[in-house]
Amino acid sequence: MPMVSVRMDDALYHQLRLCAYRADLSLSRFLRPAIERAVSADGKATITVMDELLGIQIQTFALLSALAREQSPDVCRKGFEEARKLLAERGLLEESAA
């Protein structure tokens, strides 16, 4: 079984050790379910620490794109094309959508 090494500050490490101890589990056994929940069956990440910021970004994007559509449909189209290109370069679009 592969082994993973993770760096963390001392305070977090001691908190995790204490939680594992209280649950009568080794640290590895205590952490394994959290790690397994972080990846879905298709191998994509299921959680992100940036969900709130992402939500704000999506709302901002929706407002800006609505304004751009009203002011200049061409600007909106160009913006969407550029966004799709950048997302595809980062592997953030499904192959059928790219």
C-alpha atoms as a PDB file:
ATOM      1  CA  MET A   1       0.000   0.000   0.000  1.00  0.00           C
ATOM      2  CA  PRO A   2       1.448   3.404  -0.949  1.00  0.00           C
ATOM      3  CA  MET A   3       2.359   5.824   1.788  1.00  0.00           C
ATOM      4  CA  VAL A   4       1.662   9.577   1.781  1.00  0.00           C
ATOM      5  CA  SER A   5       3.641  12.174   3.686  1.00  0.00           C
ATOM      6  CA  VAL A   6       1.925  15.454   4.589  1.00  0.00           C
ATOM      7  CA  ARG A   7       3.513  18.482   6.212  1.00  0.00           C
ATOM      8  CA  MET A   8       1.459  20.422   8.754  1.00  0.00           C
ATOM      9  CA  ASP A   9       2.050  22.695  11.678  1.00  0.00           C
ATOM     10  CA  ASP A  10       2.582  21.208  15.126  1.00  0.00           C
ATOM     11  CA  ALA A  11      -0.743  22.422  16.542  1.00  0.00           C
ATOM     12  CA  LEU A  12      -2.776  20.717  13.809  1.00  0.00           C
ATOM     13  CA  TYR A  13      -0.738  17.532  14.129  1.00  0.00           C
ATOM     14  CA  HIS A  14      -1.342  17.373  17.883  1.00  0.00           C
ATOM     15  CA  GLN A  15      -5.079  18.024  17.395  1.00  0.00           C
ATOM     16  CA  LEU A  16      -5.309  15.206  14.864  1.00  0.00           C
ATOM     17  CA  ARG A  17      -3.361  12.840  17.108  1.00  0.00           C
ATOM     18  CA  LEU A  18      -5.659  13.677  20.009  1.00  0.00           C
ATOM     19  CA  CYS A  19      -8.788  13.103  17.920  1.00  0.00           C
ATOM     20  CA  ALA A  20      -7.438   9.784  16.679  1.00  0.00           C
ATOM     21  CA  TYR A  21      -6.526   8.767  20.229  1.00  0.00           C
ATOM     22  CA  ARG A  22     -10.000   9.647  21.500  1.00  0.00           C
ATOM     23  CA  ALA A  23     -11.516   7.580  18.678  1.00  0.00           C
ATOM     24  CA  ASP A  24      -9.151   4.703  19.605  1.00  0.00           C
ATOM     25  CA  LEU A  25      -7.691   4.723  16.080  1.00  0.00           C
ATOM     26  CA  SER A  26      -4.270   5.099  14.574  1.00  0.00           C
ATOM     27  CA  LEU A  27      -3.698   8.446  12.882  1.00  0.00           C
ATOM     28  CA  SER A  28      -3.722   6.753   9.462  1.00  0.00           C
ATOM     29  CA  ARG A  29      -6.980   4.956  10.133  1.00  0.00           C
ATOM     30  CA  PHE A  30      -8.506   8.170  11.522  1.00  0.00           C
ATOM     31  CA  LEU A  31      -7.556  10.206   8.418  1.00  0.00           C
ATOM     32  CA  ARG A  32      -8.285   7.607   5.721  1.00  0.00           C
ATOM     33  CA  PRO A  33     -12.095   8.238   5.532  1.00  0.00           C
ATOM     34  CA  ALA A  34     -11.553  11.985   5.104  1.00  0.00           C
ATOM     35  CA  ILE A  35      -9.076  11.351   2.307  1.00  0.00           C
ATOM     36  CA  GLU A  36     -11.427   8.869   0.618  1.00  0.00           C
ATOM     37  CA  ARG A  37     -14.282  11.416   0.751  1.00  0.00           C
ATOM     38  CA  ALA A  38     -12.059  13.967  -1.010  1.00  0.00           C
ATOM     39  CA  VAL A  39     -12.187  11.992  -4.276  1.00  0.00           C
ATOM     40  CA  SER A  40     -15.284  10.782  -6.110  1.00  0.00           C
ATOM     41  CA  ALA A  41     -15.621   7.451  -7.911  1.00  0.00           C
ATOM     42  CA  ASP A  42     -14.662   9.089 -11.215  1.00  0.00           C
ATOM     43  CA  GLY A  43     -11.412  10.398  -9.694  1.00  0.00           C
ATOM     44  CA  LYS A  44     -12.418  14.047  -9.505  1.00  0.00           C
ATOM     45  CA  ALA A  45     -12.094  16.089  -6.331  1.00  0.00           C
ATOM     46  CA  THR A  46     -15.373  16.300  -4.424  1.00  0.00           C
ATOM     47  CA  ILE A  47     -14.452  19.071  -2.016  1.00  0.00           C
ATOM     48  CA  THR A  48     -12.728  22.384  -2.209  1.00  0.00           C
ATOM     49  CA  VAL A  49     -11.827  24.873   0.460  1.00  0.00           C
ATOM     50  CA  MET A  50     -12.703  27.637  -1.981  1.00  0.00           C
ATOM     51  CA  ASP A  51     -16.428  26.846  -2.436  1.00  0.00           C
ATOM     52  CA  GLU A  52     -17.612  30.172  -1.027  1.00  0.00           C
ATOM     53  CA  LEU A  53     -15.239  32.185  -3.209  1.00  0.00           C
ATOM     54  CA  LEU A  54     -16.204  30.114  -6.214  1.00  0.00           C
ATOM     55  CA  GLY A  55     -19.877  30.862  -5.529  1.00  0.00           C
ATOM     56  CA  ILE A  56     -19.147  34.589  -5.398  1.00  0.00           C
ATOM     57  CA  GLN A  57     -17.121  34.368  -8.603  1.00  0.00           C
ATOM     58  CA  ILE A  58     -19.947  32.566 -10.389  1.00  0.00           C
ATOM     59  CA  GLN A  59     -22.473  35.181  -9.273  1.00  0.00           C
ATOM     60  CA  THR A  60     -20.154  37.996 -10.356  1.00  0.00           C
ATOM     61  CA  PHE A  61     -19.582  36.316 -13.704  1.00  0.00           C
ATOM     62  CA  ALA A  62     -23.325  35.905 -14.234  1.00  0.00           C
ATOM     63  CA  LEU A  63     -23.937  39.590 -13.544  1.00  0.00           C
ATOM     64  CA  LEU A  64     -21.083  40.739 -15.787  1.00  0.00           C
ATOM     65  CA  SER A  65     -22.109  38.456 -18.627  1.00  0.00           C
ATOM     66  CA  ALA A  66     -25.716  39.711 -18.402  1.00  0.00           C
ATOM     67  CA  LEU A  67     -24.454  43.298 -18.612  1.00  0.00           C
ATOM     68  CA  ALA A  68     -22.146  42.449 -21.509  1.00  0.00           C
ATOM     69  CA  ARG A  69     -24.990  40.752 -23.409  1.00  0.00           C
ATOM     70  CA  GLU A  70     -27.106  43.879 -23.078  1.00  0.00           C
ATOM     71  CA  GLN A  71     -24.304  46.280 -24.000  1.00  0.00           C
ATOM     72  CA  SER A  72     -22.456  44.257 -26.648  1.00  0.00           C
ATOM     73  CA  PRO A  73     -23.283  40.659 -27.590  1.00  0.00           C
ATOM     74  CA  ASP A  74     -19.965  40.498 -29.470  1.00  0.00           C
ATOM     75  CA  VAL A  75     -17.969  41.286 -26.312  1.00  0.00           C
ATOM     76  CA  CYS A  76     -19.923  38.613 -24.459  1.00  0.00           C
ATOM     77  CA  ARG A  77     -19.248  36.027 -27.194  1.00  0.00           C
ATOM     78  CA  LYS A  78     -15.513  36.840 -27.213  1.00  0.00           C
ATOM     79  CA  GLY A  79     -15.377  36.601 -23.419  1.00  0.00           C
ATOM     80  CA  PHE A  80     -17.036  33.186 -23.433  1.00  0.00           C
ATOM     81  CA  GLU A  81     -14.637  31.954 -26.120  1.00  0.00           C
ATOM     82  CA  GLU A  82     -11.626  33.117 -24.102  1.00  0.00           C
ATOM     83  CA  ALA A  83     -13.010  31.602 -20.891  1.00  0.00           C
ATOM     84  CA  ARG A  84     -13.640  28.241 -22.593  1.00  0.00           C
ATOM     85  CA  LYS A  85     -10.084  28.292 -23.993  1.00  0.00           C
ATOM     86  CA  LEU A  86      -8.571  28.985 -20.554  1.00  0.00           C
ATOM     87  CA  LEU A  87     -10.755  26.361 -18.862  1.00  0.00           C
ATOM     88  CA  ALA A  88      -9.870  23.758 -21.492  1.00  0.00           C
ATOM     89  CA  GLU A  89      -6.136  24.476 -21.089  1.00  0.00           C
ATOM     90  CA  ARG A  90      -6.483  23.736 -17.382  1.00  0.00           C
ATOM     91  CA  GLY A  91      -8.519  20.563 -17.914  1.00  0.00           C
ATOM     92  CA  LEU A  92     -11.621  22.111 -16.352  1.00  0.00           C
ATOM     93  CA  LEU A  93     -13.973  21.314 -19.240  1.00  0.00           C
ATOM     94  CA  GLU A  94     -15.238  17.887 -20.160  1.00  0.00           C
ATOM     95  CA  GLU A  95     -13.820  16.727 -23.484  1.00  0.00           C
ATOM     96  CA  SER A  96     -17.224  16.945 -25.210  1.00  0.00           C
ATOM     97  CA  ALA A  97     -17.585  20.594 -24.062  1.00  0.00           C
ATOM     98  CA  ALA A  98     -14.079  21.684 -25.133  1.00  0.00           C
END
